[in-house]
Amino acid sequence: MKQEEVSNEANKFEKQRQEKLSSIKEFGIDPYGGRYEGAEPAEDIKLRFKDGDDSQQAKCAGRIVLLRDIGKLIFITLRDRSGTIQVGLSKKLLAEQWSLAKLLEHGDIIGASGQLGRTKTGEITIWVDDVVFLSKCLLQPPEKFHGLADIDQRYRQRYVDLWANPEVMERFKSRSAIIYTIRELLKSKGFLEVETPMMQTIAGGAAAKPFITHHNSLDMDLFLRISPELFLKRLLVGGMEKVFEVNRNFRNEGLSRQHNPEFTMLEVYQAYGDYNVMMDLTEEIFGLCVEKYCESEQVQFGDMTIDFTRPWRRATYSELLKEYSGCDIDDIKAVRAKAKQLGLEVDVDDAVVVNEVFETTVEDNLVTPTFVIDYPAVLCPLAKRRKDNPQFSERFELFIARMELANAYTELNDPAEQYENFRTQLRGQEESLTKMDMDYITALKYGMPPAGGLGIGIDRLVMVLTGVASIRDVVLFPLLRPAKG
């Protein structure tokens, strides 16, 4: 069906529903209702039902997702936040309200109360003696009971997707529960939840392109944060020894199945810890979530089976580079030859070439949870170097299902070394976008305790635990290109 025909069809249905709206108003009824007290979740009603007890009453409110009008009886499937329940409307029981009942349509929101019983087919049903209009649906809902199928429309109209596709609602309930579980675990370990600025004068804490905004009163540009890291570590200086933030970050970069410009991170910092402590904490967080929200430690993700059985593999950056590219990290000629073979840019610094080869040859092989530890120090300006081999830093990234899900350091707390690392990092970058955070250096001069820091990508974690391959399926309102027409 052509777009114009679809639009004409939609207009026809909307006109018919507008006519129903006028009829409802003629009855003196407000089609957009008001306060409706005493409604019980649908699933709770079904759980408390007892066969043979004719005195049971029930009151529920929700959206009509299925309606069968068979003359003097109307059967409706009502959906609320907990699930669905059938309500039966009969001309005999409703008497004067029957005319209103005949105006109900798929998508309308109603309240219904009456006796609880079963139909001849055994379905628990509220036999309604009072129906209340709570909101009229003026647009035609998805035709099928199991919902909105067009992927793009589902993202653009999440407000329909959530009630038209029950599995979508369940996924976002799981997301909320996962975040709650993580919060409770960290609080039980003595971590304090904090909030740090989302608008910052300096785009720091990570290497990424920021979004720029402008404060009119102060007549100054600000950046939506790309990371809360430097503010959270200031709190370590201030004596908050264990802190975390579930935060929104913004990076002005591409869109993909694994990237959304606005995303959710968990960041955790623990004084007197290091990256080994953060590895243990990461395993504990993931392990608890798998235990609570997955059927087993074997989790299906696309065509991959993820085995979350602990302990997880811990392998150095150098070992993995050798394993999958065949190159020794110290043999830069071999690495450059490999890069050329792979069609990668070779007219760049040695460290960049090495990392490009690593990302190209190693990361797609990391399916089972793997801690990649001890990155080249030049790639990690905020991490401490290994004392036994300063060429490498005490940093790990956790890969699962070929994606990076966590990043952690033993935090650098030497102000002089941090200053030099910042200078190196900023060399050649656009001055208007990246400046030295001298206040952070000042904070370090007051003394920051040795610490471990950890960042976990919440969106990707939820993707893996719920088995969906696109980040747009775990973000309620993902960023999209404007719709055509």
Protein backbone atom coordinates (compact mmCIF):
# COMPACT_ATOMS: atom_id res chain seq x y z
CA MET A 1 0.00 0.00 0.00
CA LYS A 2 1.37 3.40 -0.99
CA GLN A 3 2.10 6.07 1.66
CA GLU A 4 -0.78 8.25 0.44
CA GLU A 5 -3.21 5.32 0.69
CA VAL A 6 -1.96 4.53 4.20
CA SER A 7 -2.49 8.18 5.20
CA ASN A 8 -6.02 8.22 3.77
CA GLU A 9 -6.85 4.99 5.60
CA ALA A 10 -5.54 6.43 8.88
CA ASN A 11 -7.57 9.60 8.39
CA LYS A 12 -10.71 7.52 7.81
CA PHE A 13 -10.20 5.60 11.06
CA GLU A 14 -9.47 8.79 12.99
CA LYS A 15 -12.65 10.38 11.65
CA GLN A 16 -14.68 7.37 12.80
CA ARG A 17 -13.12 7.59 16.26
CA GLN A 18 -13.81 11.33 16.43
CA GLU A 19 -17.46 10.49 15.81
CA LYS A 20 -17.39 8.03 18.72
CA LEU A 21 -15.79 10.77 20.83
CA SER A 22 -18.70 13.11 20.03
CA SER A 23 -21.19 10.40 20.99
CA ILE A 24 -19.47 9.87 24.33
CA LYS A 25 -19.67 13.59 25.05
CA GLU A 26 -23.39 13.57 24.18
CA PHE A 27 -23.90 11.15 27.06
CA GLY A 28 -22.46 13.85 29.34
CA ILE A 29 -19.35 11.77 29.95
CA ASP A 30 -15.83 13.21 30.03
CA PRO A 31 -13.92 11.01 27.52
CA TYR A 32 -10.66 11.81 29.28
CA GLY A 33 -11.76 10.85 32.75
CA GLY A 34 -10.03 11.66 35.99
CA ARG A 35 -8.89 10.13 39.23
CA TYR A 36 -9.77 6.44 39.50
CA GLU A 37 -9.04 4.96 42.90
CA GLY A 38 -8.88 1.38 44.09
CA ALA A 39 -7.73 -0.26 40.85
CA GLU A 40 -5.77 -3.45 41.47
CA PRO A 41 -3.04 -4.79 39.16
CA ALA A 42 -4.40 -7.34 36.72
CA GLU A 43 -1.91 -10.03 37.70
CA ASP A 44 -2.69 -9.57 41.41
CA ILE A 45 -6.39 -10.06 40.70
CA LYS A 46 -5.73 -13.32 38.86
CA LEU A 47 -3.36 -14.58 41.57
CA ARG A 48 -5.88 -14.06 44.39
CA PHE A 49 -8.82 -15.58 42.54
CA LYS A 50 -10.39 -18.63 44.22
CA ASP A 51 -12.67 -21.00 42.36
CA GLY A 52 -16.11 -21.44 43.86
CA ASP A 53 -16.15 -18.15 45.77
CA ASP A 54 -18.95 -16.03 44.26
CA SER A 55 -18.31 -13.09 46.58
CA GLN A 56 -15.05 -11.99 44.96
CA GLN A 57 -15.02 -8.48 43.54
CA ALA A 58 -12.38 -6.81 41.42
CA LYS A 59 -11.55 -3.36 40.08
CA CYS A 60 -9.02 -2.77 37.33
CA ALA A 61 -7.90 -0.02 34.96
CA GLY A 62 -5.98 -0.29 31.72
CA ARG A 63 -5.94 -0.17 27.95
CA ILE A 64 -8.16 -2.27 25.69
CA VAL A 65 -5.84 -4.44 23.59
CA LEU A 66 -8.47 -6.86 22.32
CA LEU A 67 -12.22 -6.41 21.92
CA ARG A 68 -14.78 -8.99 20.74
CA ASP A 69 -18.35 -7.72 20.38
CA ILE A 70 -20.78 -10.63 20.05
CA GLY A 71 -24.05 -8.75 20.36
CA LYS A 72 -25.27 -8.68 23.94
CA LEU A 73 -21.81 -9.58 25.25
CA ILE A 74 -18.50 -7.79 24.82
CA PHE A 75 -15.25 -9.46 25.87
CA ILE A 76 -12.28 -7.18 26.39
CA THR A 77 -8.65 -7.93 27.16
CA LEU A 78 -7.44 -5.12 29.40
CA ARG A 79 -3.70 -4.46 29.79
CA ASP A 80 -2.10 -2.58 32.69
CA ARG A 81 1.47 -2.36 33.96
CA SER A 82 1.35 -5.89 35.38
CA GLY A 83 -0.21 -7.80 32.49
CA THR A 84 -3.67 -8.54 31.12
CA ILE A 85 -7.06 -9.62 32.38
CA GLN A 86 -10.32 -10.32 30.62
CA VAL A 87 -13.38 -8.25 31.42
CA GLY A 88 -16.86 -9.22 30.33
CA LEU A 89 -19.55 -6.63 29.63
CA SER A 90 -23.16 -7.77 29.28
CA LYS A 91 -26.23 -5.76 28.37
CA LYS A 92 -28.07 -7.33 31.31
CA LEU A 93 -25.50 -6.29 33.94
CA LEU A 94 -24.69 -2.83 32.63
CA ALA A 95 -28.23 -1.65 31.92
CA GLU A 96 -27.95 2.12 31.33
CA GLN A 97 -24.19 1.91 30.72
CA TRP A 98 -24.63 -0.52 27.85
CA SER A 99 -24.87 2.28 25.30
CA LEU A 100 -21.50 3.56 26.53
CA ALA A 101 -20.02 0.06 26.40
CA LYS A 102 -20.96 -0.21 22.72
CA LEU A 103 -18.81 2.86 22.02
CA LEU A 104 -15.64 1.28 23.41
CA GLU A 105 -12.84 0.61 20.94
CA HIS A 106 -9.45 -1.06 20.75
CA GLY A 107 -6.94 1.30 22.38
CA ASP A 108 -9.32 3.08 24.76
CA ILE A 109 -8.38 3.29 28.44
CA ILE A 110 -11.13 2.34 30.88
CA GLY A 111 -11.80 1.40 34.47
CA ALA A 112 -13.95 -1.64 35.17
CA SER A 113 -15.30 -3.24 38.32
CA GLY A 114 -17.56 -6.16 39.14
CA GLN A 115 -17.75 -9.79 40.22
CA LEU A 116 -14.81 -12.07 39.60
CA GLY A 117 -15.43 -15.44 37.98
CA ARG A 118 -14.55 -17.74 35.12
CA THR A 119 -15.98 -18.10 31.63
CA LYS A 120 -17.08 -21.47 30.22
CA THR A 121 -13.61 -21.77 28.69
CA GLY A 122 -12.03 -21.30 32.13
CA GLU A 123 -10.64 -17.78 31.74
CA ILE A 124 -10.65 -15.58 34.85
CA THR A 125 -12.94 -12.65 34.06
CA ILE A 126 -14.29 -9.54 35.72
CA TRP A 127 -18.06 -9.47 35.02
CA VAL A 128 -18.45 -5.73 34.87
CA ASP A 129 -21.27 -3.88 36.58
CA ASP A 130 -19.62 -0.47 36.28
CA VAL A 131 -17.41 0.89 33.48
CA VAL A 132 -15.66 4.27 33.53
CA PHE A 133 -14.14 6.03 30.52
CA LEU A 134 -10.59 7.20 31.35
CA SER A 135 -9.12 8.17 27.97
CA LYS A 136 -10.29 7.94 24.36
CA CYS A 137 -7.86 6.57 21.77
CA LEU A 138 -8.29 8.60 18.57
CA LEU A 139 -5.72 6.85 16.37
CA GLN A 140 -6.01 3.31 15.06
CA PRO A 141 -3.81 1.00 17.17
CA PRO A 142 -1.78 -1.82 15.61
CA GLU A 143 -4.18 -4.29 14.03
CA LYS A 144 -2.79 -7.45 15.61
CA PHE A 145 -2.93 -8.21 19.31
CA HIS A 146 0.80 -8.90 19.27
CA GLY A 147 1.54 -5.55 18.00
CA LEU A 148 3.55 -2.94 16.34
CA ALA A 149 5.91 -4.68 13.91
CA ASP A 150 7.60 -1.90 11.92
CA ILE A 151 10.99 -1.41 13.62
CA ASP A 152 11.38 2.28 12.79
CA GLN A 153 7.82 3.04 13.92
CA ARG A 154 8.42 1.15 17.14
CA TYR A 155 11.38 3.40 18.00
CA ARG A 156 9.55 6.57 16.99
CA GLN A 157 6.34 5.63 18.77
CA ARG A 158 7.64 3.89 21.86
CA TYR A 159 4.44 5.01 23.59
CA VAL A 160 2.59 2.53 21.35
CA ASP A 161 5.35 -0.09 21.27
CA LEU A 162 5.26 -0.51 25.06
CA TRP A 163 1.62 -1.58 25.24
CA ALA A 164 1.36 -3.19 21.81
CA ASN A 165 4.39 -5.47 22.36
CA PRO A 166 4.42 -7.00 25.87
CA GLU A 167 8.00 -8.26 25.47
CA VAL A 168 9.17 -4.66 25.02
CA MET A 169 7.54 -3.62 28.29
CA GLU A 170 9.18 -6.58 30.03
CA ARG A 171 12.59 -5.64 28.63
CA PHE A 172 12.39 -2.13 30.03
CA LYS A 173 11.14 -3.45 33.36
CA SER A 174 14.24 -5.65 33.37
CA ARG A 175 16.43 -2.65 32.60
CA SER A 176 15.02 -0.78 35.59
CA ALA A 177 15.43 -3.83 37.82
CA ILE A 178 19.04 -4.38 36.71
CA ILE A 179 19.97 -0.79 37.60
CA TYR A 180 18.18 -1.13 40.94
CA THR A 181 20.09 -4.35 41.69
CA ILE A 182 23.43 -2.71 40.91
CA ARG A 183 22.60 0.27 43.11
CA GLU A 184 21.60 -1.94 46.02
CA LEU A 185 24.74 -4.05 45.72
CA LEU A 186 27.02 -1.01 45.75
CA LYS A 187 25.17 0.59 48.65
CA SER A 188 25.47 -2.66 50.61
CA LYS A 189 29.24 -2.37 50.13
CA GLY A 190 29.35 1.14 51.54
CA PHE A 191 29.38 3.11 48.28
CA LEU A 192 27.70 6.51 48.28
CA GLU A 193 25.60 7.48 45.26
CA VAL A 194 26.36 11.01 44.07
CA GLU A 195 25.54 13.40 41.22
CA THR A 196 28.06 15.41 39.25
CA PRO A 197 27.58 18.16 36.62
CA MET A 198 26.18 17.26 33.22
CA MET A 199 27.22 20.64 31.82
CA GLN A 200 30.94 21.25 32.13
CA THR A 201 33.30 24.07 31.20
CA ILE A 202 35.95 21.58 30.03
CA ALA A 203 35.24 18.42 28.06
CA GLY A 204 37.40 16.03 30.06
CA GLY A 205 37.64 12.50 31.38
CA ALA A 206 37.60 10.70 28.03
CA ALA A 207 38.74 11.09 24.45
CA ALA A 208 35.54 11.89 22.56
CA LYS A 209 33.94 14.73 20.62
CA PRO A 210 31.54 16.68 22.86
CA PHE A 211 28.21 18.37 22.28
CA ILE A 212 28.51 22.14 22.74
CA THR A 213 25.84 24.40 24.22
CA HIS A 214 25.81 28.03 25.33
CA HIS A 215 24.88 29.63 28.66
CA ASN A 216 23.26 32.96 27.85
CA SER A 217 23.56 34.68 31.23
CA LEU A 218 27.23 33.88 31.58
CA ASP A 219 27.83 34.21 27.83
CA MET A 220 30.00 31.10 27.77
CA ASP A 221 30.10 27.80 25.94
CA LEU A 222 29.56 24.63 27.93
CA PHE A 223 29.93 20.97 27.06
CA LEU A 224 27.52 18.15 27.75
CA ARG A 225 29.72 15.77 29.66
CA ILE A 226 31.48 12.97 27.89
CA SER A 227 32.41 11.48 31.26
CA PRO A 228 31.93 12.26 34.98
CA GLU A 229 35.34 10.80 35.84
CA LEU A 230 37.30 13.88 36.86
CA PHE A 231 34.51 15.16 39.11
CA LEU A 232 34.07 11.81 40.82
CA LYS A 233 37.81 11.63 41.53
CA ARG A 234 37.64 15.11 43.03
CA LEU A 235 35.27 13.54 45.56
CA LEU A 236 37.97 11.03 46.50
CA VAL A 237 40.20 14.02 47.28
CA GLY A 238 37.39 15.39 49.44
CA GLY A 239 37.19 12.22 51.54
CA MET A 240 34.31 10.38 49.87
CA GLU A 241 36.23 7.13 49.71
CA LYS A 242 33.64 4.98 47.89
CA VAL A 243 31.37 6.72 45.37
CA PHE A 244 29.31 5.80 42.33
CA GLU A 245 27.06 7.49 39.84
CA VAL A 246 24.55 6.09 37.35
CA ASN A 247 24.99 8.82 34.82
CA ARG A 248 24.06 10.08 31.37
CA ASN A 249 26.96 10.82 29.05
CA PHE A 250 26.91 12.52 25.65
CA ARG A 251 29.34 11.93 22.80
CA ASN A 252 28.94 13.66 19.45
CA GLU A 253 29.83 10.61 17.43
CA GLY A 254 28.20 8.08 15.12
CA LEU A 255 25.07 5.98 15.45
CA SER A 256 25.23 2.19 15.27
CA ARG A 257 23.73 -0.93 16.80
CA GLN A 258 26.16 -0.47 19.71
CA HIS A 259 26.27 3.35 19.97
CA ASN A 260 23.76 6.04 20.90
CA PRO A 261 25.04 9.63 21.35
CA GLU A 262 23.29 9.77 24.75
CA PHE A 263 24.01 6.73 26.88
CA THR A 264 23.99 5.49 30.46
CA MET A 265 27.11 4.56 32.41
CA LEU A 266 27.83 3.30 35.88
CA GLU A 267 31.01 4.85 37.26
CA VAL A 268 32.51 3.58 40.52
CA TYR A 269 35.57 4.80 42.46
CA GLN A 270 37.09 3.17 45.53
CA ALA A 271 39.92 4.66 47.55
CA TYR A 272 42.77 2.32 48.43
CA GLY A 273 41.75 -0.09 45.67
CA ASP A 274 43.22 -0.81 42.24
CA TYR A 275 42.19 -2.36 38.93
CA ASN A 276 42.26 -5.85 40.45
CA VAL A 277 39.66 -4.79 43.02
CA MET A 278 37.59 -3.36 40.15
CA MET A 279 37.84 -6.65 38.23
CA ASP A 280 36.49 -8.54 41.22
CA LEU A 281 33.71 -5.99 41.65
CA THR A 282 32.82 -6.19 37.96
CA GLU A 283 32.51 -9.98 38.11
CA GLU A 284 30.33 -9.67 41.19
CA ILE A 285 28.01 -7.08 39.58
CA PHE A 286 27.62 -9.05 36.36
CA GLY A 287 27.32 -12.36 38.19
CA LEU A 288 24.52 -11.08 40.42
CA CYS A 289 22.61 -9.67 37.43
CA VAL A 290 22.97 -12.93 35.49
CA GLU A 291 21.78 -14.88 38.53
CA LYS A 292 18.71 -12.68 38.99
CA TYR A 293 17.68 -11.94 35.42
CA CYS A 294 18.88 -14.84 33.27
CA GLU A 295 17.75 -18.46 33.28
CA SER A 296 21.30 -19.78 33.58
CA GLU A 297 24.93 -18.75 33.23
CA GLN A 298 24.68 -19.70 29.54
CA VAL A 299 23.07 -16.67 27.88
CA GLN A 300 22.08 -16.60 24.23
CA PHE A 301 22.97 -13.40 22.40
CA GLY A 302 22.26 -13.53 18.68
CA ASP A 303 24.25 -16.45 17.29
CA MET A 304 26.56 -16.47 20.32
CA THR A 305 26.26 -18.37 23.58
CA ILE A 306 27.84 -16.35 26.39
CA ASP A 307 29.19 -18.44 29.26
CA PHE A 308 29.20 -16.28 32.40
CA THR A 309 30.66 -19.01 34.60
CA ARG A 310 33.29 -17.46 36.88
CA PRO A 311 36.18 -16.84 37.11
CA TRP A 312 36.52 -15.07 33.78
CA ARG A 313 39.59 -15.06 31.61
CA ARG A 314 42.19 -12.38 32.35
CA ALA A 315 44.65 -11.91 29.49
CA THR A 316 47.10 -9.13 28.76
CA TYR A 317 46.78 -6.84 25.78
CA SER A 318 50.12 -8.13 24.50
CA GLU A 319 49.13 -11.80 24.83
CA LEU A 320 45.91 -11.28 22.91
CA LEU A 321 47.63 -9.25 20.19
CA LYS A 322 50.09 -12.11 19.71
CA GLU A 323 47.33 -14.73 19.83
CA TYR A 324 45.08 -13.22 17.18
CA SER A 325 47.36 -11.08 14.98
CA GLY A 326 50.53 -13.13 15.24
CA CYS A 327 52.50 -9.96 16.11
CA ASP A 328 54.71 -9.28 19.08
CA ILE A 329 53.84 -5.86 20.51
CA ASP A 330 57.55 -4.89 20.59
CA ASP A 331 58.06 -5.79 16.91
CA ILE A 332 56.64 -2.59 15.44
CA LYS A 333 57.79 -3.53 11.92
CA ALA A 334 55.70 -6.70 12.06
CA VAL A 335 52.74 -4.77 13.47
CA ARG A 336 52.96 -2.17 10.69
CA ALA A 337 53.19 -4.92 8.09
CA LYS A 338 50.06 -6.50 9.58
CA ALA A 339 48.29 -3.14 9.54
CA LYS A 340 49.14 -2.67 5.87
CA GLN A 341 47.90 -6.18 5.12
CA LEU A 342 44.61 -5.34 6.86
CA GLY A 343 44.22 -2.09 4.93
CA LEU A 344 44.68 0.10 8.00
CA GLU A 345 46.27 3.56 8.18
CA VAL A 346 50.00 3.18 8.77
CA ASP A 347 51.18 6.80 8.56
CA VAL A 348 50.44 7.38 12.26
CA ASP A 349 52.19 6.92 15.62
CA ASP A 350 53.32 3.44 16.61
CA ALA A 351 50.82 3.20 19.47
CA VAL A 352 47.93 4.08 17.17
CA VAL A 353 48.95 1.43 14.64
CA VAL A 354 49.26 -1.19 17.37
CA ASN A 355 45.81 -0.34 18.73
CA GLU A 356 44.22 -0.38 15.28
CA VAL A 357 45.62 -3.85 14.69
CA PHE A 358 44.44 -4.94 18.13
CA GLU A 359 40.91 -3.67 17.57
CA THR A 360 40.74 -5.26 14.12
CA THR A 361 42.15 -8.69 14.95
CA VAL A 362 41.34 -9.27 18.60
CA GLU A 363 38.02 -7.73 19.63
CA ASP A 364 35.76 -9.78 17.33
CA ASN A 365 37.15 -12.94 18.92
CA LEU A 366 36.23 -11.99 22.50
CA VAL A 367 32.83 -13.63 22.97
CA THR A 368 33.10 -15.20 26.43
CA PRO A 369 33.73 -12.58 29.18
CA THR A 370 37.39 -11.57 28.94
CA PHE A 371 39.32 -8.98 30.91
CA VAL A 372 41.91 -7.42 28.62
CA ILE A 373 44.51 -6.12 31.07
CA ASP A 374 47.67 -4.02 30.95
CA TYR A 375 47.15 -1.69 28.02
CA PRO A 376 50.06 0.28 26.54
CA ALA A 377 50.53 3.22 28.88
CA VAL A 378 50.53 5.78 26.07
CA LEU A 379 46.85 4.94 25.47
CA CYS A 380 45.88 5.55 29.11
CA PRO A 381 46.61 9.12 30.31
CA LEU A 382 44.52 8.73 33.49
CA ALA A 383 45.87 5.35 34.62
CA LYS A 384 48.88 4.37 36.70
CA ARG A 385 51.74 2.59 35.01
CA ARG A 386 52.83 -0.86 36.15
CA LYS A 387 55.78 -0.53 38.50
CA ASP A 388 57.43 -3.65 37.11
CA ASN A 389 56.97 -2.54 33.47
CA PRO A 390 56.10 1.15 32.96
CA GLN A 391 55.47 0.52 29.26
CA PHE A 392 52.04 -0.74 30.33
CA SER A 393 49.29 0.73 32.50
CA GLU A 394 47.12 -0.89 35.13
CA ARG A 395 44.00 -0.78 33.03
CA PHE A 396 41.46 -3.34 31.88
CA GLU A 397 38.61 -3.43 29.43
CA LEU A 398 35.96 -6.13 29.71
CA PHE A 399 34.77 -7.63 26.44
CA ILE A 400 31.65 -9.75 26.09
CA ALA A 401 29.98 -10.77 22.83
CA ARG A 402 32.59 -8.80 20.85
CA MET A 403 31.67 -5.56 22.67
CA GLU A 404 33.46 -3.52 25.30
CA LEU A 405 31.23 -3.43 28.38
CA ALA A 406 33.56 -2.05 31.05
CA ASN A 407 36.74 0.00 31.41
CA ALA A 408 38.77 0.44 34.57
CA TYR A 409 42.06 1.80 35.90
CA THR A 410 44.27 1.92 38.85
CA GLU A 411 43.85 5.69 39.00
CA LEU A 412 46.81 7.97 38.45
CA ASN A 413 47.12 10.25 41.49
CA ASP A 414 50.53 11.88 40.87
CA PRO A 415 49.76 15.50 39.87
CA ALA A 416 53.06 16.04 38.04
CA GLU A 417 52.69 12.90 35.94
CA GLN A 418 49.02 13.67 35.30
CA TYR A 419 49.94 17.15 34.10
CA GLU A 420 52.47 15.77 31.64
CA ASN A 421 49.99 13.15 30.40
CA PHE A 422 47.40 15.86 29.79
CA ARG A 423 49.96 17.92 27.87
CA THR A 424 50.76 14.94 25.66
CA GLN A 425 47.10 14.10 25.18
CA LEU A 426 46.15 17.66 24.19
CA ARG A 427 49.04 18.17 21.79
CA GLY A 428 47.68 18.85 18.31
CA GLN A 429 44.02 18.85 19.37
CA GLU A 430 41.60 21.68 18.69
CA GLU A 431 42.09 24.21 21.50
CA SER A 432 38.47 25.39 21.52
CA LEU A 433 37.26 21.86 22.28
CA THR A 434 39.95 20.50 24.60
CA LYS A 435 41.65 22.38 27.40
CA MET A 436 43.79 21.41 30.34
CA ASP A 437 41.68 20.85 33.46
CA MET A 438 44.00 22.72 35.82
CA ASP A 439 41.51 22.54 38.68
CA TYR A 440 41.77 18.74 38.55
CA ILE A 441 45.55 19.05 38.78
CA THR A 442 45.07 21.37 41.76
CA ALA A 443 42.81 18.74 43.38
CA LEU A 444 45.50 16.10 42.91
CA LYS A 445 48.05 18.40 44.55
CA TYR A 446 45.94 18.29 47.71
CA GLY A 447 46.35 14.51 47.63
CA MET A 448 44.06 11.88 46.12
CA PRO A 449 44.28 8.45 47.76
CA PRO A 450 45.37 5.51 45.62
CA ALA A 451 42.17 4.22 44.04
CA GLY A 452 40.51 1.95 41.54
CA GLY A 453 37.93 3.31 39.12
CA LEU A 454 35.40 1.48 36.96
CA GLY A 455 32.94 2.36 34.21
CA ILE A 456 30.24 -0.07 32.99
CA GLY A 457 28.05 0.59 29.96
CA ILE A 458 24.54 0.01 31.28
CA ASP A 459 22.90 -0.02 27.84
CA ARG A 460 25.22 -2.74 26.55
CA LEU A 461 24.89 -4.73 29.77
CA VAL A 462 21.10 -4.73 29.35
CA MET A 463 21.52 -5.71 25.68
CA VAL A 464 23.50 -8.81 26.65
CA LEU A 465 21.29 -9.81 29.58
CA THR A 466 18.05 -9.43 27.57
CA GLY A 467 19.44 -10.89 24.35
CA VAL A 468 18.84 -7.97 21.97
CA ALA A 469 21.39 -6.97 19.36
CA SER A 470 20.63 -3.24 19.01
CA ILE A 471 21.14 -0.54 21.61
CA ARG A 472 17.95 1.09 20.33
CA ASP A 473 15.99 -1.82 21.80
CA VAL A 474 17.16 -0.99 25.35
CA VAL A 475 16.91 2.83 25.16
CA LEU A 476 13.35 4.08 25.56
CA PHE A 477 13.75 7.00 23.17
CA PRO A 478 16.84 6.49 20.96
CA LEU A 479 18.08 9.30 18.76
CA LEU A 480 16.75 8.94 15.20
CA ARG A 481 16.91 10.86 11.99
CA PRO A 482 13.80 13.02 11.43
CA ALA A 483 10.97 11.03 9.86
CA LYS A 484 10.37 11.64 6.17
CA GLY A 485 7.24 13.53 5.10
